[in-house]
Structures are given as C-alpha cells and as structure tokens.
Protein backbone atom coordinates (compact mmCIF):
# COMPACT_ATOMS: atom_id res chain seq x y z
CA UNK A 1 99.28 126.03 -16.73
CA UNK A 2 96.48 123.55 -17.32
CA UNK A 3 95.88 120.55 -19.52
CA UNK A 4 92.90 118.31 -20.22
CA UNK A 5 91.61 117.13 -16.85
CA UNK A 6 94.61 118.53 -15.03
CA UNK A 7 95.54 121.74 -13.23
CA UNK A 8 99.18 122.54 -12.52
CA UNK A 9 100.11 124.90 -9.70
CA UNK A 10 103.35 126.86 -9.91
CA UNK A 11 105.34 129.35 -7.90
CA UNK A 12 108.17 131.23 -9.59
CA UNK A 13 107.82 128.98 -12.63
CA UNK A 14 108.20 125.74 -10.63
CA UNK A 15 105.43 123.18 -10.46
CA UNK A 16 104.70 122.06 -6.92
CA UNK A 17 101.23 120.53 -7.23
CA UNK A 18 99.08 118.78 -9.81
CA UNK A 19 95.32 118.36 -9.40
CA UNK A 20 93.89 115.66 -11.63
CA UNK A 21 90.15 115.40 -12.32
CA UNK A 22 88.31 112.13 -11.97
CA UNK A 23 87.75 110.01 -15.07
CA UNK A 24 86.18 106.60 -15.64
CA UNK A 25 89.22 104.65 -14.42
CA UNK A 26 90.97 107.32 -12.34
CA UNK A 27 89.69 109.08 -9.22
CA UNK A 28 90.33 112.75 -8.49
CA UNK A 29 93.76 113.13 -6.93
CA UNK A 30 96.33 115.68 -5.87
CA UNK A 31 100.06 115.21 -6.36
CA UNK A 32 102.57 117.33 -4.45
CA UNK A 33 106.32 117.74 -4.84
CA UNK A 34 108.54 117.03 -1.87
CA UNK A 35 112.13 116.41 -0.94
CA UNK A 36 113.01 112.70 -1.20
CA UNK A 37 113.27 112.10 2.55
CA UNK A 38 109.93 113.75 3.39
CA UNK A 39 108.23 111.96 0.50
CA UNK A 40 109.27 108.57 1.86
CA UNK A 41 108.36 109.53 5.45
CA UNK A 42 104.84 110.63 4.41
CA UNK A 43 104.28 107.35 2.51
CA UNK A 44 105.33 105.36 5.57
CA UNK A 45 103.22 107.40 7.98
CA UNK A 46 99.99 107.70 5.95
CA UNK A 47 98.59 104.73 4.00
CA UNK A 48 96.57 107.07 1.73
CA UNK A 49 99.81 108.61 0.37
CA UNK A 50 101.34 106.83 -2.60
CA UNK A 51 104.39 107.53 -4.75
CA UNK A 52 104.04 109.17 -8.16
CA UNK A 53 107.07 109.36 -10.39
CA UNK A 54 107.44 112.24 -12.84
CA UNK A 55 110.51 112.66 -14.99
CA UNK A 56 112.23 109.88 -13.03
CA UNK A 57 112.15 111.97 -9.86
CA UNK A 58 110.90 110.17 -6.76
CA UNK A 59 109.90 113.31 -4.93
CA UNK A 60 106.18 113.31 -5.70
CA UNK A 61 103.36 112.01 -3.48
CA UNK A 62 99.76 111.45 -4.54
CA UNK A 63 96.58 111.32 -2.47
CA UNK A 64 93.29 110.12 -3.94
CA UNK A 65 90.83 112.76 -2.78
CA UNK A 66 87.87 110.37 -2.58
CA UNK A 67 89.75 107.93 -0.32
CA UNK A 68 87.92 107.46 2.95
CA UNK A 69 89.36 108.64 6.25
CA UNK A 70 92.06 111.09 5.38
CA UNK A 71 93.74 111.82 8.67
CA UNK A 72 93.49 115.51 9.60
CA UNK A 73 97.28 115.92 10.12
CA UNK A 74 97.77 114.89 6.49
CA UNK A 75 96.25 118.20 5.37
CA UNK A 76 99.14 119.96 7.08
CA UNK A 77 101.88 117.39 6.40
CA UNK A 78 101.59 117.22 2.60
CA UNK A 79 101.99 120.89 1.61
CA UNK A 80 104.93 121.65 3.92
CA UNK A 81 107.58 119.69 1.99
CA UNK A 82 106.34 121.23 -1.28
CA UNK A 83 106.85 124.72 0.14
CA UNK A 84 110.29 123.79 1.46
CA UNK A 85 111.38 122.52 -1.97
CA UNK A 86 110.28 125.83 -3.51
CA UNK A 87 112.12 127.83 -0.89
CA UNK A 88 115.33 125.82 -1.43
CA UNK A 89 115.56 127.00 -5.02
CA UNK A 90 117.05 125.17 -7.99
C-alpha cells in the first residue's frame, strides 16, 4: 500500500514500517513499529531515534535517514522489535 510520498510495508496485512520521501520541510525518514518497552529503550539509547505517534499508539519510532552519524548497531536494533510485534500476532 502506498500513498503520495509514502510507502507502507506490511506482513500478513499488518503495517510494520513506513518510508516517507523528503519534501521541502520534511527529510526522508523511516518509521518502524515496536512494542512499547523496546520503543522507549531505543529512544533512550540512540539520539537519532524519535517517537512518532500513529492512531494514539506510542509504539512507533522514526529515524531521519539524512541524519549524520547513524550508529551501525541501530541498523540491527530498529527492525527487531518490528518483527517481534508481527510474530506476536493481534
């Protein structure tokens, strides 16, 4: 499923990631679903991770892709909670 300037990624009908294209006032960014505890932990551990709230759920983290100095472990840390949420089911 895609919208203007946005690509949604789904598994089994559940959205787990949103890629947003850059615009004049918004840089390119990726937003990933997580469980609430992991979402908070990632925000505390990595300054480039910020909260994004969809549908009043606080389980989404966003990373601006053009931000300098993404730590390498972040590439592994962000997707894992998204996969775990999908595995847990509804």
